[in-house]
Amino acid sequence: MTAKFERHYPPVPMSKQDLDDLRLAYKRAIDAWVDAIRAEEALATPDHSMTAMEQWDKAHFTEHDAHEKAAKARDAYKDALRDENYGI
């Protein structure tokens, strides 16, 4: 048996401004992620102390969080583009 899915409401097109806002949010999230990567990289120094390692680990967690935010912003923008271009 094949299920048929129908929208029970007309699709509401997203405004160009809304798409621009999502794109800008994505670009900002990517910039923040790149900054976090560079901050983590800068802490990979010849200082082999425990304190240096802890700072490096903290920077890694910050980078990881920034990556998750960038991925969510990308998904939101892609979903909006799919809806706008394909109605899905």
PDB file of N, CA and C in Angstrom:
ATOM      1  N   MET A   1       0.845  -1.167   0.000  1.00  0.00           N
ATOM      2  CA  MET A   1       0.000   0.000   0.000  1.00  0.00           C
ATOM      3  C   MET A   1       0.900   1.243   0.000  1.00  0.00           C
ATOM      4  N   THR A   2       0.597   2.179  -0.870  1.00  0.00           N
ATOM      5  CA  THR A   2       1.374   3.404  -0.979  1.00  0.00           C
ATOM      6  C   THR A   2       0.639   4.531  -0.270  1.00  0.00           C
ATOM      7  N   ALA A   3       1.337   5.170   0.607  1.00  0.00           N
ATOM      8  CA  ALA A   3       0.746   6.300   1.332  1.00  0.00           C
ATOM      9  C   ALA A   3       0.861   7.542   0.468  1.00  0.00           C
ATOM     10  N   LYS A   4      -0.178   8.324   0.455  1.00  0.00           N
ATOM     11  CA  LYS A   4      -0.168   9.568  -0.305  1.00  0.00           C
ATOM     12  C   LYS A   4      -0.152  10.718   0.693  1.00  0.00           C
ATOM     13  N   PHE A   5       0.853  11.571   0.546  1.00  0.00           N
ATOM     14  CA  PHE A   5       0.993  12.706   1.443  1.00  0.00           C
ATOM     15  C   PHE A   5       0.620  13.965   0.689  1.00  0.00           C
ATOM     16  N   GLU A   6      -0.281  14.704   1.253  1.00  0.00           N
ATOM     17  CA  GLU A   6      -0.691  15.961   0.650  1.00  0.00           C
ATOM     18  C   GLU A   6      -0.548  17.067   1.669  1.00  0.00           C
ATOM     19  N   ARG A   7      -0.228  18.233   1.178  1.00  0.00           N
ATOM     20  CA  ARG A   7      -0.249  19.405   2.054  1.00  0.00           C
ATOM     21  C   ARG A   7      -1.700  19.838   2.201  1.00  0.00           C
ATOM     22  N   HIS A   8      -2.054  20.140   3.416  1.00  0.00           N
ATOM     23  CA  HIS A   8      -3.409  20.605   3.672  1.00  0.00           C
ATOM     24  C   HIS A   8      -3.458  22.121   3.771  1.00  0.00           C
ATOM     25  N   TYR A   9      -2.414  22.736   3.344  1.00  0.00           N
ATOM     26  CA  TYR A   9      -2.326  24.188   3.360  1.00  0.00           C
ATOM     27  C   TYR A   9      -1.470  24.601   2.164  1.00  0.00           C
ATOM     28  N   PRO A  10      -1.731  25.750   1.613  1.00  0.00           N
ATOM     29  CA  PRO A  10      -0.912  26.179   0.472  1.00  0.00           C
ATOM     30  C   PRO A  10       0.490  26.556   0.944  1.00  0.00           C
ATOM     31  N   PRO A  11       1.506  26.228   0.153  1.00  0.00           N
ATOM     32  CA  PRO A  11       2.859  26.613   0.552  1.00  0.00           C
ATOM     33  C   PRO A  11       3.005  28.132   0.568  1.00  0.00           C
ATOM     34  N   VAL A  12       3.680  28.617   1.586  1.00  0.00           N
ATOM     35  CA  VAL A  12       3.913  30.048   1.707  1.00  0.00           C
ATOM     36  C   VAL A  12       5.335  30.315   1.225  1.00  0.00           C
ATOM     37  N   PRO A  13       5.461  31.033   0.111  1.00  0.00           N
ATOM     38  CA  PRO A  13       6.815  31.283  -0.381  1.00  0.00           C
ATOM     39  C   PRO A  13       7.596  32.165   0.587  1.00  0.00           C
ATOM     40  N   MET A  14       8.879  31.878   0.687  1.00  0.00           N
ATOM     41  CA  MET A  14       9.750  32.652   1.550  1.00  0.00           C
ATOM     42  C   MET A  14      10.186  33.896   0.786  1.00  0.00           C
ATOM     43  N   SER A  15      10.250  34.995   1.484  1.00  0.00           N
ATOM     44  CA  SER A  15      10.659  36.236   0.828  1.00  0.00           C
ATOM     45  C   SER A  15      12.155  36.204   0.523  1.00  0.00           C
ATOM     46  N   LYS A  16      12.559  37.005  -0.435  1.00  0.00           N
ATOM     47  CA  LYS A  16      13.977  37.113  -0.763  1.00  0.00           C
ATOM     48  C   LYS A  16      14.756  37.569   0.461  1.00  0.00           C
ATOM     49  N   GLN A  17      14.179  38.479   1.236  1.00  0.00           N
ATOM     50  CA  GLN A  17      14.856  38.964   2.441  1.00  0.00           C
ATOM     51  C   GLN A  17      15.072  37.841   3.445  1.00  0.00           C
ATOM     52  N   ASP A  18      14.077  36.951   3.599  1.00  0.00           N
ATOM     53  CA  ASP A  18      14.232  35.817   4.508  1.00  0.00           C
ATOM     54  C   ASP A  18      15.349  34.885   4.043  1.00  0.00           C
ATOM     55  N   LEU A  19      15.395  34.631   2.731  1.00  0.00           N
ATOM     56  CA  LEU A  19      16.473  33.797   2.194  1.00  0.00           C
ATOM     57  C   LEU A  19      17.826  34.471   2.383  1.00  0.00           C
ATOM     58  N   ASP A  20      17.873  35.774   2.142  1.00  0.00           N
ATOM     59  CA  ASP A  20      19.123  36.516   2.351  1.00  0.00           C
ATOM     60  C   ASP A  20      19.561  36.450   3.808  1.00  0.00           C
ATOM     61  N   ASP A  21      18.600  36.541   4.725  1.00  0.00           N
ATOM     62  CA  ASP A  21      18.921  36.468   6.159  1.00  0.00           C
ATOM     63  C   ASP A  21      19.484  35.098   6.530  1.00  0.00           C
ATOM     64  N   LEU A  22      18.894  34.041   5.976  1.00  0.00           N
ATOM     65  CA  LEU A  22      19.400  32.691   6.248  1.00  0.00           C
ATOM     66  C   LEU A  22      20.795  32.505   5.672  1.00  0.00           C
ATOM     67  N   ARG A  23      21.023  33.021   4.477  1.00  0.00           N
ATOM     68  CA  ARG A  23      22.340  32.927   3.858  1.00  0.00           C
ATOM     69  C   ARG A  23      23.374  33.685   4.686  1.00  0.00           C
ATOM     70  N   LEU A  24      22.999  34.873   5.139  1.00  0.00           N
ATOM     71  CA  LEU A  24      23.906  35.673   5.954  1.00  0.00           C
ATOM     72  C   LEU A  24      24.208  34.977   7.293  1.00  0.00           C
ATOM     73  N   ALA A  25      23.192  34.386   7.898  1.00  0.00           N
ATOM     74  CA  ALA A  25      23.404  33.647   9.152  1.00  0.00           C
ATOM     75  C   ALA A  25      24.356  32.480   8.921  1.00  0.00           C
ATOM     76  N   TYR A  26      24.209  31.808   7.795  1.00  0.00           N
ATOM     77  CA  TYR A  26      25.114  30.704   7.458  1.00  0.00           C
ATOM     78  C   TYR A  26      26.545  31.220   7.287  1.00  0.00           C
ATOM     79  N   LYS A  27      26.714  32.294   6.541  1.00  0.00           N
ATOM     80  CA  LYS A  27      28.056  32.842   6.313  1.00  0.00           C
ATOM     81  C   LYS A  27      28.702  33.287   7.631  1.00  0.00           C
ATOM     82  N   ARG A  28      27.921  33.889   8.499  1.00  0.00           N
ATOM     83  CA  ARG A  28      28.456  34.300   9.805  1.00  0.00           C
ATOM     84  C   ARG A  28      28.855  33.098  10.650  1.00  0.00           C
ATOM     85  N   ALA A  29      28.040  32.047  10.600  1.00  0.00           N
ATOM     86  CA  ALA A  29      28.357  30.839  11.357  1.00  0.00           C
ATOM     87  C   ALA A  29      29.630  30.186  10.822  1.00  0.00           C
ATOM     88  N   ILE A  30      29.804  30.186   9.515  1.00  0.00           N
ATOM     89  CA  ILE A  30      31.021  29.636   8.917  1.00  0.00           C
ATOM     90  C   ILE A  30      32.233  30.467   9.327  1.00  0.00           C
ATOM     91  N   ASP A  31      32.098  31.781   9.297  1.00  0.00           N
ATOM     92  CA  ASP A  31      33.202  32.655   9.719  1.00  0.00           C
ATOM     93  C   ASP A  31      33.583  32.398  11.177  1.00  0.00           C
ATOM     94  N   ALA A  32      32.589  32.218  12.039  1.00  0.00           N
ATOM     95  CA  ALA A  32      32.861  31.930  13.453  1.00  0.00           C
ATOM     96  C   ALA A  32      33.553  30.578  13.602  1.00  0.00           C
ATOM     97  N   TRP A  33      33.148  29.607  12.793  1.00  0.00           N
ATOM     98  CA  TRP A  33      33.762  28.286  12.842  1.00  0.00           C
ATOM     99  C   TRP A  33      35.226  28.371  12.401  1.00  0.00           C
ATOM    100  N   VAL A  34      35.492  29.083  11.326  1.00  0.00           N
ATOM    101  CA  VAL A  34      36.867  29.251  10.840  1.00  0.00           C
ATOM    102  C   VAL A  34      37.717  29.946  11.910  1.00  0.00           C
ATOM    103  N   ASP A  35      37.150  30.971  12.548  1.00  0.00           N
ATOM    104  CA  ASP A  35      37.881  31.649  13.624  1.00  0.00           C
ATOM    105  C   ASP A  35      38.211  30.678  14.760  1.00  0.00           C
ATOM    106  N   ALA A  36      37.250  29.807  15.088  1.00  0.00           N
ATOM    107  CA  ALA A  36      37.474  28.829  16.155  1.00  0.00           C
ATOM    108  C   ALA A  36      38.549  27.819  15.758  1.00  0.00           C
ATOM    109  N   ILE A  37      38.559  27.428  14.494  1.00  0.00           N
ATOM    110  CA  ILE A  37      39.604  26.505  14.016  1.00  0.00           C
ATOM    111  C   ILE A  37      40.978  27.158  14.151  1.00  0.00           C
ATOM    112  N   ARG A  38      41.054  28.405  13.741  1.00  0.00           N
ATOM    113  CA  ARG A  38      42.343  29.113  13.817  1.00  0.00           C
ATOM    114  C   ARG A  38      42.792  29.307  15.268  1.00  0.00           C
ATOM    115  N   ALA A  39      41.839  29.567  16.162  1.00  0.00           N
ATOM    116  CA  ALA A  39      42.192  29.723  17.580  1.00  0.00           C
ATOM    117  C   ALA A  39      42.713  28.408  18.141  1.00  0.00           C
ATOM    118  N   GLU A  40      42.070  27.303  17.758  1.00  0.00           N
ATOM    119  CA  GLU A  40      42.543  25.996  18.216  1.00  0.00           C
ATOM    120  C   GLU A  40      43.927  25.705  17.640  1.00  0.00           C
ATOM    121  N   GLU A  41      44.093  25.977  16.375  1.00  0.00           N
ATOM    122  CA  GLU A  41      45.390  25.736  15.729  1.00  0.00           C
ATOM    123  C   GLU A  41      46.508  26.535  16.403  1.00  0.00           C
ATOM    124  N   ALA A  42      46.200  27.762  16.769  1.00  0.00           N
ATOM    125  CA  ALA A  42      47.213  28.622  17.397  1.00  0.00           C
ATOM    126  C   ALA A  42      47.690  28.066  18.735  1.00  0.00           C
ATOM    127  N   LEU A  43      46.868  27.239  19.364  1.00  0.00           N
ATOM    128  CA  LEU A  43      47.233  26.676  20.668  1.00  0.00           C
ATOM    129  C   LEU A  43      48.039  25.384  20.553  1.00  0.00           C
ATOM    130  N   ALA A  44      48.240  24.904  19.353  1.00  0.00           N
ATOM    131  CA  ALA A  44      49.099  23.734  19.141  1.00  0.00           C
ATOM    132  C   ALA A  44      50.534  24.246  19.070  1.00  0.00           C
ATOM    133  N   THR A  45      51.103  24.465  20.232  1.00  0.00           N
ATOM    134  CA  THR A  45      52.425  25.082  20.346  1.00  0.00           C
ATOM    135  C   THR A  45      53.429  24.102  20.941  1.00  0.00           C
ATOM    136  N   PRO A  46      54.687  24.476  20.950  1.00  0.00           N
ATOM    137  CA  PRO A  46      55.706  23.616  21.577  1.00  0.00           C
ATOM    138  C   PRO A  46      55.570  23.521  23.096  1.00  0.00           C
ATOM    139  N   ASP A  47      54.672  24.299  23.691  1.00  0.00           N
ATOM    140  CA  ASP A  47      54.447  24.232  25.140  1.00  0.00           C
ATOM    141  C   ASP A  47      53.694  22.929  25.444  1.00  0.00           C
ATOM    142  N   HIS A  48      54.357  21.990  26.081  1.00  0.00           N
ATOM    143  CA  HIS A  48      53.781  20.670  26.341  1.00  0.00           C
ATOM    144  C   HIS A  48      53.204  20.553  27.753  1.00  0.00           C
ATOM    145  N   SER A  49      52.931  21.683  28.389  1.00  0.00           N
ATOM    146  CA  SER A  49      52.424  21.656  29.762  1.00  0.00           C
ATOM    147  C   SER A  49      50.955  21.233  29.799  1.00  0.00           C
ATOM    148  N   MET A  50      50.526  20.830  30.983  1.00  0.00           N
ATOM    149  CA  MET A  50      49.126  20.450  31.193  1.00  0.00           C
ATOM    150  C   MET A  50      48.210  21.646  30.947  1.00  0.00           C
ATOM    151  N   THR A  51      48.623  22.828  31.392  1.00  0.00           N
ATOM    152  CA  THR A  51      47.824  24.041  31.204  1.00  0.00           C
ATOM    153  C   THR A  51      47.619  24.319  29.718  1.00  0.00           C
ATOM    154  N   ALA A  52      48.675  24.198  28.939  1.00  0.00           N
ATOM    155  CA  ALA A  52      48.569  24.423  27.494  1.00  0.00           C
ATOM    156  C   ALA A  52      47.646  23.394  26.857  1.00  0.00           C
ATOM    157  N   MET A  53      47.745  22.147  27.298  1.00  0.00           N
ATOM    158  CA  MET A  53      46.886  21.099  26.751  1.00  0.00           C
ATOM    159  C   MET A  53      45.418  21.370  27.082  1.00  0.00           C
ATOM    160  N   GLU A  54      45.153  21.823  28.298  1.00  0.00           N
ATOM    161  CA  GLU A  54      43.773  22.117  28.694  1.00  0.00           C
ATOM    162  C   GLU A  54      43.201  23.280  27.880  1.00  0.00           C
ATOM    163  N   GLN A  55      44.010  24.283  27.626  1.00  0.00           N
ATOM    164  CA  GLN A  55      43.552  25.400  26.795  1.00  0.00           C
ATOM    165  C   GLN A  55      43.270  24.924  25.370  1.00  0.00           C
ATOM    166  N   TRP A  56      44.118  24.057  24.874  1.00  0.00           N
ATOM    167  CA  TRP A  56      43.950  23.504  23.530  1.00  0.00           C
ATOM    168  C   TRP A  56      42.672  22.674  23.460  1.00  0.00           C
ATOM    169  N   ASP A  57      42.429  21.847  24.505  1.00  0.00           N
ATOM    170  CA  ASP A  57      41.192  21.062  24.550  1.00  0.00           C
ATOM    171  C   ASP A  57      39.965  21.964  24.594  1.00  0.00           C
ATOM    172  N   LYS A  58      40.017  23.010  25.398  1.00  0.00           N
ATOM    173  CA  LYS A  58      38.895  23.938  25.483  1.00  0.00           C
ATOM    174  C   LYS A  58      38.623  24.575  24.119  1.00  0.00           C
ATOM    175  N   ALA A  59      39.685  24.944  23.425  1.00  0.00           N
ATOM    176  CA  ALA A  59      39.530  25.525  22.086  1.00  0.00           C
ATOM    177  C   ALA A  59      38.907  24.509  21.124  1.00  0.00           C
ATOM    178  N   HIS A  60      39.245  23.233  21.304  1.00  0.00           N
ATOM    179  CA  HIS A  60      38.660  22.201  20.451  1.00  0.00           C
ATOM    180  C   HIS A  60      37.152  22.100  20.680  1.00  0.00           C
ATOM    181  N   PHE A  61      36.728  22.146  21.944  1.00  0.00           N
ATOM    182  CA  PHE A  61      35.295  22.082  22.235  1.00  0.00           C
ATOM    183  C   PHE A  61      34.573  23.302  21.664  1.00  0.00           C
ATOM    184  N   THR A  62      35.205  24.454  21.731  1.00  0.00           N
ATOM    185  CA  THR A  62      34.630  25.665  21.139  1.00  0.00           C
ATOM    186  C   THR A  62      34.498  25.498  19.632  1.00  0.00           C
ATOM    187  N   GLU A  63      35.520  24.941  19.003  1.00  0.00           N
ATOM    188  CA  GLU A  63      35.485  24.684  17.556  1.00  0.00           C
ATOM    189  C   GLU A  63      34.370  23.713  17.219  1.00  0.00           C
ATOM    190  N   HIS A  64      34.220  22.672  18.024  1.00  0.00           N
ATOM    191  CA  HIS A  64      33.175  21.675  17.787  1.00  0.00           C
ATOM    192  C   HIS A  64      31.788  22.321  17.860  1.00  0.00           C
ATOM    193  N   ASP A  65      31.565  23.155  18.874  1.00  0.00           N
ATOM    194  CA  ASP A  65      30.283  23.843  19.005  1.00  0.00           C
ATOM    195  C   ASP A  65      30.029  24.776  17.822  1.00  0.00           C
ATOM    196  N   ALA A  66      31.066  25.471  17.380  1.00  0.00           N
ATOM    197  CA  ALA A  66      30.929  26.377  16.228  1.00  0.00           C
ATOM    198  C   ALA A  66      30.601  25.592  14.967  1.00  0.00           C
ATOM    199  N   HIS A  67      31.190  24.408  14.831  1.00  0.00           N
ATOM    200  CA  HIS A  67      30.894  23.566  13.674  1.00  0.00           C
ATOM    201  C   HIS A  67      29.435  23.124  13.686  1.00  0.00           C
ATOM    202  N   GLU A  68      28.929  22.749  14.838  1.00  0.00           N
ATOM    203  CA  GLU A  68      27.524  22.343  14.933  1.00  0.00           C
ATOM    204  C   GLU A  68      26.595  23.496  14.559  1.00  0.00           C
ATOM    205  N   LYS A  69      26.907  24.704  15.012  1.00  0.00           N
ATOM    206  CA  LYS A  69      26.087  25.870  14.666  1.00  0.00           C
ATOM    207  C   LYS A  69      26.134  26.139  13.163  1.00  0.00           C
ATOM    208  N   ALA A  70      27.305  25.993  12.563  1.00  0.00           N
ATOM    209  CA  ALA A  70      27.438  26.202  11.115  1.00  0.00           C
ATOM    210  C   ALA A  70      26.630  25.159  10.352  1.00  0.00           C
ATOM    211  N   ALA A  71      26.666  23.922  10.810  1.00  0.00           N
ATOM    212  CA  ALA A  71      25.908  22.860  10.146  1.00  0.00           C
ATOM    213  C   ALA A  71      24.405  23.116  10.252  1.00  0.00           C
ATOM    214  N   LYS A  72      23.945  23.573  11.404  1.00  0.00           N
ATOM    215  CA  LYS A  72      22.521  23.876  11.572  1.00  0.00           C
ATOM    216  C   LYS A  72      22.102  25.050  10.691  1.00  0.00           C
ATOM    217  N   ALA A  73      22.949  26.071  10.604  1.00  0.00           N
ATOM    218  CA  ALA A  73      22.646  27.221   9.753  1.00  0.00           C
ATOM    219  C   ALA A  73      22.615  26.801   8.288  1.00  0.00           C
ATOM    220  N   ARG A  74      23.539  25.925   7.897  1.00  0.00           N
ATOM    221  CA  ARG A  74      23.567  25.424   6.523  1.00  0.00           C
ATOM    222  C   ARG A  74      22.299  24.643   6.219  1.00  0.00           C
ATOM    223  N   ASP A  75      21.903  23.773   7.135  1.00  0.00           N
ATOM    224  CA  ASP A  75      20.693  22.980   6.927  1.00  0.00           C
ATOM    225  C   ASP A  75      19.457  23.864   6.818  1.00  0.00           C
ATOM    226  N   ALA A  76      19.367  24.889   7.647  1.00  0.00           N
ATOM    227  CA  ALA A  76      18.217  25.797   7.594  1.00  0.00           C
ATOM    228  C   ALA A  76      18.160  26.514   6.244  1.00  0.00           C
ATOM    229  N   TYR A  77      19.300  26.968   5.782  1.00  0.00           N
ATOM    230  CA  TYR A  77      19.362  27.655   4.487  1.00  0.00           C
ATOM    231  C   TYR A  77      19.028  26.691   3.351  1.00  0.00           C
ATOM    232  N   LYS A  78      19.605  25.490   3.376  1.00  0.00           N
ATOM    233  CA  LYS A  78      19.313  24.504   2.331  1.00  0.00           C
ATOM    234  C   LYS A  78      17.845  24.110   2.332  1.00  0.00           C
ATOM    235  N   ASP A  79      17.258  23.925   3.508  1.00  0.00           N
ATOM    236  CA  ASP A  79      15.839  23.578   3.584  1.00  0.00           C
ATOM    237  C   ASP A  79      14.981  24.673   2.976  1.00  0.00           C
ATOM    238  N   ALA A  80      15.314  25.909   3.259  1.00  0.00           N
ATOM    239  CA  ALA A  80      14.565  27.041   2.688  1.00  0.00           C
ATOM    240  C   ALA A  80      14.722  27.095   1.176  1.00  0.00           C
ATOM    241  N   LEU A  81      15.923  26.831   0.689  1.00  0.00           N
ATOM    242  CA  LEU A  81      16.146  26.823  -0.760  1.00  0.00           C
ATOM    243  C   LEU A  81      15.377  25.678  -1.424  1.00  0.00           C
ATOM    244  N   ARG A  82      15.372  24.519  -0.800  1.00  0.00           N
ATOM    245  CA  ARG A  82      14.602  23.379  -1.349  1.00  0.00           C
ATOM    246  C   ARG A  82      13.111  23.725  -1.422  1.00  0.00           C
ATOM    247  N   ASP A  83      12.625  24.324  -0.357  1.00  0.00           N
ATOM    248  CA  ASP A  83      11.220  24.693  -0.326  1.00  0.00           C
ATOM    249  C   ASP A  83      10.915  25.728  -1.406  1.00  0.00           C
ATOM    250  N   GLU A  84      11.802  26.707  -1.538  1.00  0.00           N
ATOM    251  CA  GLU A  84      11.603  27.769  -2.523  1.00  0.00           C
ATOM    252  C   GLU A  84      11.694  27.229  -3.951  1.00  0.00           C
ATOM    253  N   ASN A  85      12.668  26.383  -4.213  1.00  0.00           N
ATOM    254  CA  ASN A  85      12.919  25.927  -5.580  1.00  0.00           C
ATOM    255  C   ASN A  85      12.155  24.685  -5.985  1.00  0.00           C
ATOM    256  N   TYR A  86      11.860  23.826  -5.014  1.00  0.00           N
ATOM    257  CA  TYR A  86      11.211  22.563  -5.356  1.00  0.00           C
ATOM    258  C   TYR A  86       9.886  22.335  -4.633  1.00  0.00           C
ATOM    259  N   GLY A  87       9.579  23.185  -3.693  1.00  0.00           N
ATOM    260  CA  GLY A  87       8.330  23.019  -2.947  1.00  0.00           C
ATOM    261  C   GLY A  87       8.343  21.852  -1.983  1.00  0.00           C
ATOM    262  N   ILE A  88       9.561  21.431  -1.575  1.00  0.00           N
ATOM    263  CA  ILE A  88       9.638  20.298  -0.631  1.00  0.00           C
ATOM    264  C   ILE A  88      10.380  20.720   0.616  1.00  0.00           C
TER     265      ILE A  88
END
